[in-house]
Amino acid sequence: MDEQIQKVLKDGVTQAELDKAKNRLLTSKLLERETNNGKASALGQFAVVYGEANRVNTDLAELQAVTAAQVKDVLNKYITGKKKVVIEFLPESMKPEGKEKKS
């Protein structure tokens, strides 16, 4: 596994990393909700997906309450010990010699 991922799984994310991620997500959510269409979409998502339309009023506070320890726990639950697949897409000019293109 990648060294950086191993470090995050072992040490968790830093508070600065978590704050940056939260700020980006919060900004994105707020920008989406600036329009009537965005508000309706958010409301519809909570009504349909979660069966609780009123959650649209609390989801941003819940996001802000996430801790670095919670992130570490979730990473370890879903990432540690799991297999992964890496797919690399290369331009034709970078493909290894001898690999014929299948039609």
PDB file of N, CA and C in Angstrom:
ATOM      1  N   MET A   1       0.843  -1.180   0.000  1.00  0.00           N
ATOM      2  CA  MET A   1       0.000   0.000   0.000  1.00  0.00           C
ATOM      3  C   MET A   1       0.885   1.239   0.000  1.00  0.00           C
ATOM      4  N   ASP A   2       0.395   2.270  -0.588  1.00  0.00           N
ATOM      5  CA  ASP A   2       1.105   3.531  -0.700  1.00  0.00           C
ATOM      6  C   ASP A   2       1.522   4.042   0.689  1.00  0.00           C
ATOM      7  N   GLU A   3       2.738   4.581   0.791  1.00  0.00           N
ATOM      8  CA  GLU A   3       3.259   5.056   2.077  1.00  0.00           C
ATOM      9  C   GLU A   3       2.392   6.153   2.694  1.00  0.00           C
ATOM     10  N   GLN A   4       1.910   7.054   1.864  1.00  0.00           N
ATOM     11  CA  GLN A   4       1.088   8.144   2.373  1.00  0.00           C
ATOM     12  C   GLN A   4      -0.205   7.603   2.982  1.00  0.00           C
ATOM     13  N   ILE A   5      -0.812   6.630   2.325  1.00  0.00           N
ATOM     14  CA  ILE A   5      -2.035   6.027   2.862  1.00  0.00           C
ATOM     15  C   ILE A   5      -1.739   5.307   4.167  1.00  0.00           C
ATOM     16  N   GLN A   6      -0.615   4.584   4.204  1.00  0.00           N
ATOM     17  CA  GLN A   6      -0.222   3.895   5.434  1.00  0.00           C
ATOM     18  C   GLN A   6      -0.072   4.890   6.584  1.00  0.00           C
ATOM     19  N   LYS A   7       0.541   6.031   6.306  1.00  0.00           N
ATOM     20  CA  LYS A   7       0.746   7.053   7.345  1.00  0.00           C
ATOM     21  C   LYS A   7      -0.589   7.577   7.845  1.00  0.00           C
ATOM     22  N   VAL A   8      -1.512   7.842   6.938  1.00  0.00           N
ATOM     23  CA  VAL A   8      -2.824   8.351   7.336  1.00  0.00           C
ATOM     24  C   VAL A   8      -3.572   7.299   8.144  1.00  0.00           C
ATOM     25  N   LEU A   9      -3.483   6.027   7.731  1.00  0.00           N
ATOM     26  CA  LEU A   9      -4.164   4.975   8.474  1.00  0.00           C
ATOM     27  C   LEU A   9      -3.590   4.828   9.877  1.00  0.00           C
ATOM     28  N   LYS A  10      -2.293   5.023   9.995  1.00  0.00           N
ATOM     29  CA  LYS A  10      -1.630   4.890  11.295  1.00  0.00           C
ATOM     30  C   LYS A  10      -1.849   6.124  12.166  1.00  0.00           C
ATOM     31  N   ASP A  11      -1.599   7.311  11.596  1.00  0.00           N
ATOM     32  CA  ASP A  11      -1.614   8.548  12.382  1.00  0.00           C
ATOM     33  C   ASP A  11      -2.914   9.331  12.290  1.00  0.00           C
ATOM     34  N   GLY A  12      -3.712   9.050  11.279  1.00  0.00           N
ATOM     35  CA  GLY A  12      -4.919   9.834  11.054  1.00  0.00           C
ATOM     36  C   GLY A  12      -4.607  11.091  10.266  1.00  0.00           C
ATOM     37  N   VAL A  13      -5.626  11.898  10.049  1.00  0.00           N
ATOM     38  CA  VAL A  13      -5.426  13.164   9.336  1.00  0.00           C
ATOM     39  C   VAL A  13      -5.089  14.247  10.349  1.00  0.00           C
ATOM     40  N   THR A  14      -4.374  15.249   9.900  1.00  0.00           N
ATOM     41  CA  THR A  14      -4.064  16.367  10.790  1.00  0.00           C
ATOM     42  C   THR A  14      -5.288  17.270  10.893  1.00  0.00           C
ATOM     43  N   GLN A  15      -5.305  18.093  11.913  1.00  0.00           N
ATOM     44  CA  GLN A  15      -6.415  19.031  12.079  1.00  0.00           C
ATOM     45  C   GLN A  15      -6.473  19.997  10.898  1.00  0.00           C
ATOM     46  N   ALA A  16      -5.303  20.384  10.393  1.00  0.00           N
ATOM     47  CA  ALA A  16      -5.263  21.302   9.243  1.00  0.00           C
ATOM     48  C   ALA A  16      -5.866  20.644   8.005  1.00  0.00           C
ATOM     49  N   GLU A  17      -5.550  19.365   7.774  1.00  0.00           N
ATOM     50  CA  GLU A  17      -6.122  18.642   6.631  1.00  0.00           C
ATOM     51  C   GLU A  17      -7.634  18.526   6.772  1.00  0.00           C
ATOM     52  N   LEU A  18      -8.079  18.211   7.974  1.00  0.00           N
ATOM     53  CA  LEU A  18      -9.514  18.077   8.217  1.00  0.00           C
ATOM     54  C   LEU A  18     -10.223  19.414   8.027  1.00  0.00           C
ATOM     55  N   ASP A  19      -9.650  20.474   8.563  1.00  0.00           N
ATOM     56  CA  ASP A  19     -10.247  21.805   8.410  1.00  0.00           C
ATOM     57  C   ASP A  19     -10.350  22.200   6.939  1.00  0.00           C
ATOM     58  N   LYS A  20      -9.306  21.916   6.172  1.00  0.00           N
ATOM     59  CA  LYS A  20      -9.305  22.244   4.741  1.00  0.00           C
ATOM     60  C   LYS A  20     -10.409  21.475   4.016  1.00  0.00           C
ATOM     61  N   ALA A  21     -10.529  20.189   4.313  1.00  0.00           N
ATOM     62  CA  ALA A  21     -11.563  19.361   3.675  1.00  0.00           C
ATOM     63  C   ALA A  21     -12.956  19.845   4.058  1.00  0.00           C
ATOM     64  N   LYS A  22     -13.148  20.144   5.329  1.00  0.00           N
ATOM     65  CA  LYS A  22     -14.450  20.643   5.790  1.00  0.00           C
ATOM     66  C   LYS A  22     -14.794  21.966   5.106  1.00  0.00           C
ATOM     67  N   ASN A  23     -13.825  22.867   5.038  1.00  0.00           N
ATOM     68  CA  ASN A  23     -14.070  24.168   4.413  1.00  0.00           C
ATOM     69  C   ASN A  23     -14.428  24.033   2.946  1.00  0.00           C
ATOM     70  N   ARG A  24     -13.735  23.146   2.251  1.00  0.00           N
ATOM     71  CA  ARG A  24     -14.042  22.938   0.821  1.00  0.00           C
ATOM     72  C   ARG A  24     -15.452  22.370   0.645  1.00  0.00           C
ATOM     73  N   LEU A  25     -15.796  21.378   1.461  1.00  0.00           N
ATOM     74  CA  LEU A  25     -17.112  20.759   1.347  1.00  0.00           C
ATOM     75  C   LEU A  25     -18.213  21.732   1.753  1.00  0.00           C
ATOM     76  N   LEU A  26     -17.991  22.467   2.827  1.00  0.00           N
ATOM     77  CA  LEU A  26     -18.971  23.451   3.280  1.00  0.00           C
ATOM     78  C   LEU A  26     -19.180  24.538   2.226  1.00  0.00           C
ATOM     79  N   THR A  27     -18.095  25.040   1.667  1.00  0.00           N
ATOM     80  CA  THR A  27     -18.192  26.054   0.619  1.00  0.00           C
ATOM     81  C   THR A  27     -18.983  25.530  -0.570  1.00  0.00           C
ATOM     82  N   SER A  28     -18.690  24.298  -0.968  1.00  0.00           N
ATOM     83  CA  SER A  28     -19.393  23.680  -2.090  1.00  0.00           C
ATOM     84  C   SER A  28     -20.890  23.565  -1.811  1.00  0.00           C
ATOM     85  N   LYS A  29     -21.225  23.098  -0.629  1.00  0.00           N
ATOM     86  CA  LYS A  29     -22.638  22.937  -0.256  1.00  0.00           C
ATOM     87  C   LYS A  29     -23.352  24.288  -0.223  1.00  0.00           C
ATOM     88  N   LEU A  30     -22.694  25.296   0.335  1.00  0.00           N
ATOM     89  CA  LEU A  30     -23.317  26.620   0.415  1.00  0.00           C
ATOM     90  C   LEU A  30     -23.504  27.229  -0.969  1.00  0.00           C
ATOM     91  N   LEU A  31     -22.519  27.057  -1.851  1.00  0.00           N
ATOM     92  CA  LEU A  31     -22.651  27.569  -3.219  1.00  0.00           C
ATOM     93  C   LEU A  31     -23.798  26.877  -3.949  1.00  0.00           C
ATOM     94  N   GLU A  32     -23.940  25.568  -3.740  1.00  0.00           N
ATOM     95  CA  GLU A  32     -25.047  24.833  -4.369  1.00  0.00           C
ATOM     96  C   GLU A  32     -26.396  25.376  -3.924  1.00  0.00           C
ATOM     97  N   ARG A  33     -26.478  25.779  -2.659  1.00  0.00           N
ATOM     98  CA  ARG A  33     -27.755  26.195  -2.082  1.00  0.00           C
ATOM     99  C   ARG A  33     -28.056  27.676  -2.261  1.00  0.00           C
ATOM    100  N   GLU A  34     -27.249  28.377  -3.033  1.00  0.00           N
ATOM    101  CA  GLU A  34     -27.502  29.797  -3.277  1.00  0.00           C
ATOM    102  C   GLU A  34     -28.682  30.022  -4.212  1.00  0.00           C
ATOM    103  N   THR A  35     -28.983  29.043  -5.038  1.00  0.00           N
ATOM    104  CA  THR A  35     -30.087  29.191  -5.991  1.00  0.00           C
ATOM    105  C   THR A  35     -31.300  28.409  -5.499  1.00  0.00           C
ATOM    106  N   ASN A  36     -32.466  28.785  -6.008  1.00  0.00           N
ATOM    107  CA  ASN A  36     -33.689  28.047  -5.663  1.00  0.00           C
ATOM    108  C   ASN A  36     -33.585  26.602  -6.117  1.00  0.00           C
ATOM    109  N   ASN A  37     -32.992  26.395  -7.284  1.00  0.00           N
ATOM    110  CA  ASN A  37     -32.814  25.041  -7.808  1.00  0.00           C
ATOM    111  C   ASN A  37     -31.924  24.217  -6.875  1.00  0.00           C
ATOM    112  N   GLY A  38     -30.849  24.825  -6.388  1.00  0.00           N
ATOM    113  CA  GLY A  38     -29.941  24.132  -5.478  1.00  0.00           C
ATOM    114  C   GLY A  38     -30.600  23.808  -4.149  1.00  0.00           C
ATOM    115  N   LYS A  39     -31.393  24.737  -3.632  1.00  0.00           N
ATOM    116  CA  LYS A  39     -32.121  24.495  -2.386  1.00  0.00           C
ATOM    117  C   LYS A  39     -33.113  23.353  -2.566  1.00  0.00           C
ATOM    118  N   ALA A  40     -33.831  23.373  -3.678  1.00  0.00           N
ATOM    119  CA  ALA A  40     -34.812  22.315  -3.951  1.00  0.00           C
ATOM    120  C   ALA A  40     -34.126  20.962  -4.102  1.00  0.00           C
ATOM    121  N   SER A  41     -32.967  20.965  -4.748  1.00  0.00           N
ATOM    122  CA  SER A  41     -32.222  19.718  -4.928  1.00  0.00           C
ATOM    123  C   SER A  41     -31.775  19.153  -3.583  1.00  0.00           C
ATOM    124  N   ALA A  42     -31.238  19.994  -2.729  1.00  0.00           N
ATOM    125  CA  ALA A  42     -30.793  19.548  -1.401  1.00  0.00           C
ATOM    126  C   ALA A  42     -31.974  19.033  -0.587  1.00  0.00           C
ATOM    127  N   LEU A  43     -33.071  19.755  -0.608  1.00  0.00           N
ATOM    128  CA  LEU A  43     -34.273  19.353   0.116  1.00  0.00           C
ATOM    129  C   LEU A  43     -34.793  18.017  -0.409  1.00  0.00           C
ATOM    130  N   GLY A  44     -34.830  17.890  -1.736  1.00  0.00           N
ATOM    131  CA  GLY A  44     -35.290  16.644  -2.348  1.00  0.00           C
ATOM    132  C   GLY A  44     -34.390  15.474  -2.009  1.00  0.00           C
ATOM    133  N   GLN A  45     -33.092  15.705  -1.994  1.00  0.00           N
ATOM    134  CA  GLN A  45     -32.150  14.636  -1.661  1.00  0.00           C
ATOM    135  C   GLN A  45     -32.412  14.109  -0.249  1.00  0.00           C
ATOM    136  N   PHE A  46     -32.564  15.008   0.699  1.00  0.00           N
ATOM    137  CA  PHE A  46     -32.793  14.572   2.073  1.00  0.00           C
ATOM    138  C   PHE A  46     -34.151  13.899   2.230  1.00  0.00           C
ATOM    139  N   ALA A  47     -35.149  14.390   1.506  1.00  0.00           N
ATOM    140  CA  ALA A  47     -36.476  13.790   1.582  1.00  0.00           C
ATOM    141  C   ALA A  47     -36.483  12.382   0.991  1.00  0.00           C
ATOM    142  N   VAL A  48     -35.846  12.224  -0.171  1.00  0.00           N
ATOM    143  CA  VAL A  48     -35.888  10.941  -0.879  1.00  0.00           C
ATOM    144  C   VAL A  48     -34.863   9.944  -0.337  1.00  0.00           C
ATOM    145  N   VAL A  49     -33.619  10.366  -0.211  1.00  0.00           N
ATOM    146  CA  VAL A  49     -32.546   9.451   0.185  1.00  0.00           C
ATOM    147  C   VAL A  49     -32.619   9.101   1.668  1.00  0.00           C
ATOM    148  N   TYR A  50     -32.852  10.114   2.508  1.00  0.00           N
ATOM    149  CA  TYR A  50     -32.827   9.888   3.952  1.00  0.00           C
ATOM    150  C   TYR A  50     -34.217   9.805   4.580  1.00  0.00           C
ATOM    151  N   GLY A  51     -35.257  10.154   3.801  1.00  0.00           N
ATOM    152  CA  GLY A  51     -36.610  10.117   4.332  1.00  0.00           C
ATOM    153  C   GLY A  51     -36.842  11.154   5.420  1.00  0.00           C
ATOM    154  N   GLU A  52     -36.024  12.180   5.424  1.00  0.00           N
ATOM    155  CA  GLU A  52     -36.098  13.196   6.475  1.00  0.00           C
ATOM    156  C   GLU A  52     -35.698  14.548   5.888  1.00  0.00           C
ATOM    157  N   ALA A  53     -36.648  15.240   5.301  1.00  0.00           N
ATOM    158  CA  ALA A  53     -36.371  16.507   4.625  1.00  0.00           C
ATOM    159  C   ALA A  53     -35.768  17.546   5.562  1.00  0.00           C
ATOM    160  N   ASN A  54     -36.129  17.518   6.828  1.00  0.00           N
ATOM    161  CA  ASN A  54     -35.645  18.519   7.776  1.00  0.00           C
ATOM    162  C   ASN A  54     -34.140  18.410   8.033  1.00  0.00           C
ATOM    163  N   ARG A  55     -33.535  17.284   7.662  1.00  0.00           N
ATOM    164  CA  ARG A  55     -32.086  17.142   7.838  1.00  0.00           C
ATOM    165  C   ARG A  55     -31.307  18.179   7.041  1.00  0.00           C
ATOM    166  N   VAL A  56     -31.930  18.763   6.034  1.00  0.00           N
ATOM    167  CA  VAL A  56     -31.271  19.803   5.245  1.00  0.00           C
ATOM    168  C   VAL A  56     -30.890  20.982   6.150  1.00  0.00           C
ATOM    169  N   ASN A  57     -31.556  21.104   7.285  1.00  0.00           N
ATOM    170  CA  ASN A  57     -31.280  22.205   8.220  1.00  0.00           C
ATOM    171  C   ASN A  57     -30.151  21.883   9.200  1.00  0.00           C
ATOM    172  N   THR A  58     -29.733  20.626   9.269  1.00  0.00           N
ATOM    173  CA  THR A  58     -28.720  20.241  10.251  1.00  0.00           C
ATOM    174  C   THR A  58     -27.475  19.601   9.647  1.00  0.00           C
ATOM    175  N   ASP A  59     -27.503  19.293   8.364  1.00  0.00           N
ATOM    176  CA  ASP A  59     -26.399  18.537   7.757  1.00  0.00           C
ATOM    177  C   ASP A  59     -25.073  19.294   7.785  1.00  0.00           C
ATOM    178  N   LEU A  60     -25.111  20.596   7.617  1.00  0.00           N
ATOM    179  CA  LEU A  60     -23.865  21.366   7.612  1.00  0.00           C
ATOM    180  C   LEU A  60     -23.241  21.421   9.004  1.00  0.00           C
ATOM    181  N   ALA A  61     -24.069  21.506  10.031  1.00  0.00           N
ATOM    182  CA  ALA A  61     -23.554  21.479  11.406  1.00  0.00           C
ATOM    183  C   ALA A  61     -22.957  20.105  11.719  1.00  0.00           C
ATOM    184  N   GLU A  62     -23.598  19.047  11.219  1.00  0.00           N
ATOM    185  CA  GLU A  62     -23.074  17.694  11.424  1.00  0.00           C
ATOM    186  C   GLU A  62     -21.719  17.537  10.740  1.00  0.00           C
ATOM    187  N   LEU A  63     -21.595  18.098   9.552  1.00  0.00           N
ATOM    188  CA  LEU A  63     -20.329  18.072   8.830  1.00  0.00           C
ATOM    189  C   LEU A  63     -19.242  18.783   9.635  1.00  0.00           C
ATOM    190  N   GLN A  64     -19.550  19.933  10.175  1.00  0.00           N
ATOM    191  CA  GLN A  64     -18.575  20.705  10.939  1.00  0.00           C
ATOM    192  C   GLN A  64     -18.171  19.999  12.234  1.00  0.00           C
ATOM    193  N   ALA A  65     -18.994  19.091  12.731  1.00  0.00           N
ATOM    194  CA  ALA A  65     -18.718  18.413  13.990  1.00  0.00           C
ATOM    195  C   ALA A  65     -17.825  17.185  13.838  1.00  0.00           C
ATOM    196  N   VAL A  66     -17.539  16.770  12.610  1.00  0.00           N
ATOM    197  CA  VAL A  66     -16.696  15.581  12.386  1.00  0.00           C
ATOM    198  C   VAL A  66     -15.295  15.822  12.941  1.00  0.00           C
ATOM    199  N   THR A  67     -14.767  14.815  13.639  1.00  0.00           N
ATOM    200  CA  THR A  67     -13.436  14.940  14.246  1.00  0.00           C
ATOM    201  C   THR A  67     -12.404  14.129  13.468  1.00  0.00           C
ATOM    202  N   ALA A  68     -11.153  14.443  13.694  1.00  0.00           N
ATOM    203  CA  ALA A  68     -10.055  13.708  13.064  1.00  0.00           C
ATOM    204  C   ALA A  68     -10.081  12.243  13.496  1.00  0.00           C
ATOM    205  N   ALA A  69     -10.440  11.992  14.749  1.00  0.00           N
ATOM    206  CA  ALA A  69     -10.515  10.613  15.247  1.00  0.00           C
ATOM    207  C   ALA A  69     -11.596   9.821  14.511  1.00  0.00           C
ATOM    208  N   GLN A  70     -12.728  10.457  14.206  1.00  0.00           N
ATOM    209  CA  GLN A  70     -13.791   9.789  13.456  1.00  0.00           C
ATOM    210  C   GLN A  70     -13.330   9.448  12.039  1.00  0.00           C
ATOM    211  N   VAL A  71     -12.619  10.362  11.420  1.00  0.00           N
ATOM    212  CA  VAL A  71     -12.097  10.113  10.075  1.00  0.00           C
ATOM    213  C   VAL A  71     -11.144   8.925  10.096  1.00  0.00           C
ATOM    214  N   LYS A  72     -10.265   8.893  11.086  1.00  0.00           N
ATOM    215  CA  LYS A  72      -9.304   7.789  11.211  1.00  0.00           C
ATOM    216  C   LYS A  72     -10.033   6.457  11.407  1.00  0.00           C
ATOM    217  N   ASP A  73     -11.048   6.443  12.252  1.00  0.00           N
ATOM    218  CA  ASP A  73     -11.809   5.218  12.492  1.00  0.00           C
ATOM    219  C   ASP A  73     -12.474   4.707  11.211  1.00  0.00           C
ATOM    220  N   VAL A  74     -13.059   5.614  10.447  1.00  0.00           N
ATOM    221  CA  VAL A  74     -13.733   5.226   9.203  1.00  0.00           C
ATOM    222  C   VAL A  74     -12.716   4.732   8.174  1.00  0.00           C
ATOM    223  N   LEU A  75     -11.590   5.420   8.054  1.00  0.00           N
ATOM    224  CA  LEU A  75     -10.544   4.974   7.134  1.00  0.00           C
ATOM    225  C   LEU A  75     -10.094   3.557   7.474  1.00  0.00           C
ATOM    226  N   ASN A  76      -9.844   3.316   8.747  1.00  0.00           N
ATOM    227  CA  ASN A  76      -9.387   1.994   9.157  1.00  0.00           C
ATOM    228  C   ASN A  76     -10.461   0.929   8.968  1.00  0.00           C
ATOM    229  N   LYS A  77     -11.719   1.295   9.132  1.00  0.00           N
ATOM    230  CA  LYS A  77     -12.809   0.337   8.941  1.00  0.00           C
ATOM    231  C   LYS A  77     -12.939  -0.081   7.476  1.00  0.00           C
ATOM    232  N   TYR A  78     -12.833   0.886   6.568  1.00  0.00           N
ATOM    233  CA  TYR A  78     -13.112   0.605   5.166  1.00  0.00           C
ATOM    234  C   TYR A  78     -11.879   0.426   4.290  1.00  0.00           C
ATOM    235  N   ILE A  79     -10.693   0.811   4.754  1.00  0.00           N
ATOM    236  CA  ILE A  79      -9.497   0.753   3.918  1.00  0.00           C
ATOM    237  C   ILE A  79      -8.506  -0.310   4.389  1.00  0.00           C
ATOM    238  N   THR A  80      -8.236  -0.363   5.669  1.00  0.00           N
ATOM    239  CA  THR A  80      -7.220  -1.279   6.196  1.00  0.00           C
ATOM    240  C   THR A  80      -7.566  -2.721   5.851  1.00  0.00           C
ATOM    241  N   GLY A  81      -6.584  -3.414   5.291  1.00  0.00           N
ATOM    242  CA  GLY A  81      -6.746  -4.825   4.971  1.00  0.00           C
ATOM    243  C   GLY A  81      -7.582  -5.115   3.741  1.00  0.00           C
ATOM    244  N   LYS A  82      -7.979  -4.098   3.037  1.00  0.00           N
ATOM    245  CA  LYS A  82      -8.805  -4.290   1.836  1.00  0.00           C
ATOM    246  C   LYS A  82      -7.917  -4.312   0.599  1.00  0.00           C
ATOM    247  N   LYS A  83      -8.355  -5.046  -0.386  1.00  0.00           N
ATOM    248  CA  LYS A  83      -7.632  -5.083  -1.652  1.00  0.00           C
ATOM    249  C   LYS A  83      -7.984  -3.828  -2.440  1.00  0.00           C
ATOM    250  N   LYS A  84      -7.085  -3.450  -3.331  1.00  0.00           N
ATOM    251  CA  LYS A  84      -7.357  -2.287  -4.162  1.00  0.00           C
ATOM    252  C   LYS A  84      -7.013  -2.603  -5.610  1.00  0.00           C
ATOM    253  N   VAL A  85      -7.581  -1.840  -6.475  1.00  0.00           N
ATOM    254  CA  VAL A  85      -7.313  -1.958  -7.904  1.00  0.00           C
ATOM    255  C   VAL A  85      -6.819  -0.595  -8.373  1.00  0.00           C
ATOM    256  N   VAL A  86      -5.705  -0.595  -9.104  1.00  0.00           N
ATOM    257  CA  VAL A  86      -5.169   0.641  -9.654  1.00  0.00           C
ATOM    258  C   VAL A  86      -5.226   0.528 -11.167  1.00  0.00           C
ATOM    259  N   ILE A  87      -5.854   1.488 -11.786  1.00  0.00           N
ATOM    260  CA  ILE A  87      -5.969   1.513 -13.236  1.00  0.00           C
ATOM    261  C   ILE A  87      -5.270   2.768 -13.727  1.00  0.00           C
ATOM    262  N   GLU A  88      -4.330   2.599 -14.633  1.00  0.00           N
ATOM    263  CA  GLU A  88      -3.632   3.743 -15.200  1.00  0.00           C
ATOM    264  C   GLU A  88      -4.031   3.901 -16.650  1.00  0.00           C
ATOM    265  N   PHE A  89      -4.444   5.088 -17.012  1.00  0.00           N
ATOM    266  CA  PHE A  89      -4.770   5.405 -18.388  1.00  0.00           C
ATOM    267  C   PHE A  89      -3.607   6.186 -18.969  1.00  0.00           C
ATOM    268  N   LEU A  90      -3.022   5.664 -20.015  1.00  0.00           N
ATOM    269  CA  LEU A  90      -1.873   6.303 -20.626  1.00  0.00           C
ATOM    270  C   LEU A  90      -2.188   6.714 -22.054  1.00  0.00           C
ATOM    271  N   PRO A  91      -1.634   7.841 -22.482  1.00  0.00           N
ATOM    272  CA  PRO A  91      -1.768   8.199 -23.892  1.00  0.00           C
ATOM    273  C   PRO A  91      -1.052   7.150 -24.742  1.00  0.00           C
ATOM    274  N   GLU A  92      -1.453   7.007 -25.970  1.00  0.00           N
ATOM    275  CA  GLU A  92      -0.845   6.025 -26.872  1.00  0.00           C
ATOM    276  C   GLU A  92       0.678   6.153 -26.896  1.00  0.00           C
ATOM    277  N   SER A  93       1.174   7.382 -26.856  1.00  0.00           N
ATOM    278  CA  SER A  93       2.617   7.604 -26.951  1.00  0.00           C
ATOM    279  C   SER A  93       3.375   7.077 -25.726  1.00  0.00           C
ATOM    280  N   MET A  94       2.695   6.846 -24.634  1.00  0.00           N
ATOM    281  CA  MET A  94       3.357   6.389 -23.413  1.00  0.00           C
ATOM    282  C   MET A  94       3.169   4.895 -23.152  1.00  0.00           C
ATOM    283  N   LYS A  95       2.384   4.220 -24.001  1.00  0.00           N
ATOM    284  CA  LYS A  95       2.144   2.793 -23.795  1.00  0.00           C
ATOM    285  C   LYS A  95       3.402   2.000 -24.111  1.00  0.00           C
ATOM    286  N   PRO A  96       3.636   0.923 -23.358  1.00  0.00           N
ATOM    287  CA  PRO A  96       4.826   0.100 -23.586  1.00  0.00           C
ATOM    288  C   PRO A  96       4.822  -0.537 -24.970  1.00  0.00           C
ATOM    289  N   GLU A  97       5.994  -0.734 -25.520  1.00  0.00           N
ATOM    290  CA  GLU A  97       6.146  -1.378 -26.818  1.00  0.00           C
ATOM    291  C   GLU A  97       5.624  -2.813 -26.740  1.00  0.00           C
ATOM    292  N   GLY A  98       5.098  -3.306 -27.829  1.00  0.00           N
ATOM    293  CA  GLY A  98       4.662  -4.703 -27.906  1.00  0.00           C
ATOM    294  C   GLY A  98       3.232  -4.912 -27.470  1.00  0.00           C
ATOM    295  N   LYS A  99       2.593  -3.897 -26.945  1.00  0.00           N
ATOM    296  CA  LYS A  99       1.186  -4.013 -26.545  1.00  0.00           C
ATOM    297  C   LYS A  99       0.344  -3.546 -27.718  1.00  0.00           C
ATOM    298  N   GLU A 100      -0.256  -4.516 -28.379  1.00  0.00           N
ATOM    299  CA  GLU A 100      -1.075  -4.163 -29.543  1.00  0.00           C
ATOM    300  C   GLU A 100      -2.460  -3.709 -29.109  1.00  0.00           C
ATOM    301  N   LYS A 101      -2.960  -2.754 -29.829  1.00  0.00           N
ATOM    302  CA  LYS A 101      -4.287  -2.238 -29.578  1.00  0.00           C
ATOM    303  C   LYS A 101      -5.303  -3.239 -30.099  1.00  0.00           C
ATOM    304  N   LYS A 102      -6.243  -3.653 -29.245  1.00  0.00           N
ATOM    305  CA  LYS A 102      -7.284  -4.601 -29.651  1.00  0.00           C
ATOM    306  C   LYS A 102      -8.456  -3.840 -30.218  1.00  0.00           C
ATOM    307  N   SER A 103      -8.999  -4.339 -31.324  1.00  0.00           N
ATOM    308  CA  SER A 103     -10.141  -3.679 -31.949  1.00  0.00           C
ATOM    309  C   SER A 103     -11.376  -4.480 -31.759  1.00  0.00           C
TER     310      SER A 103
END
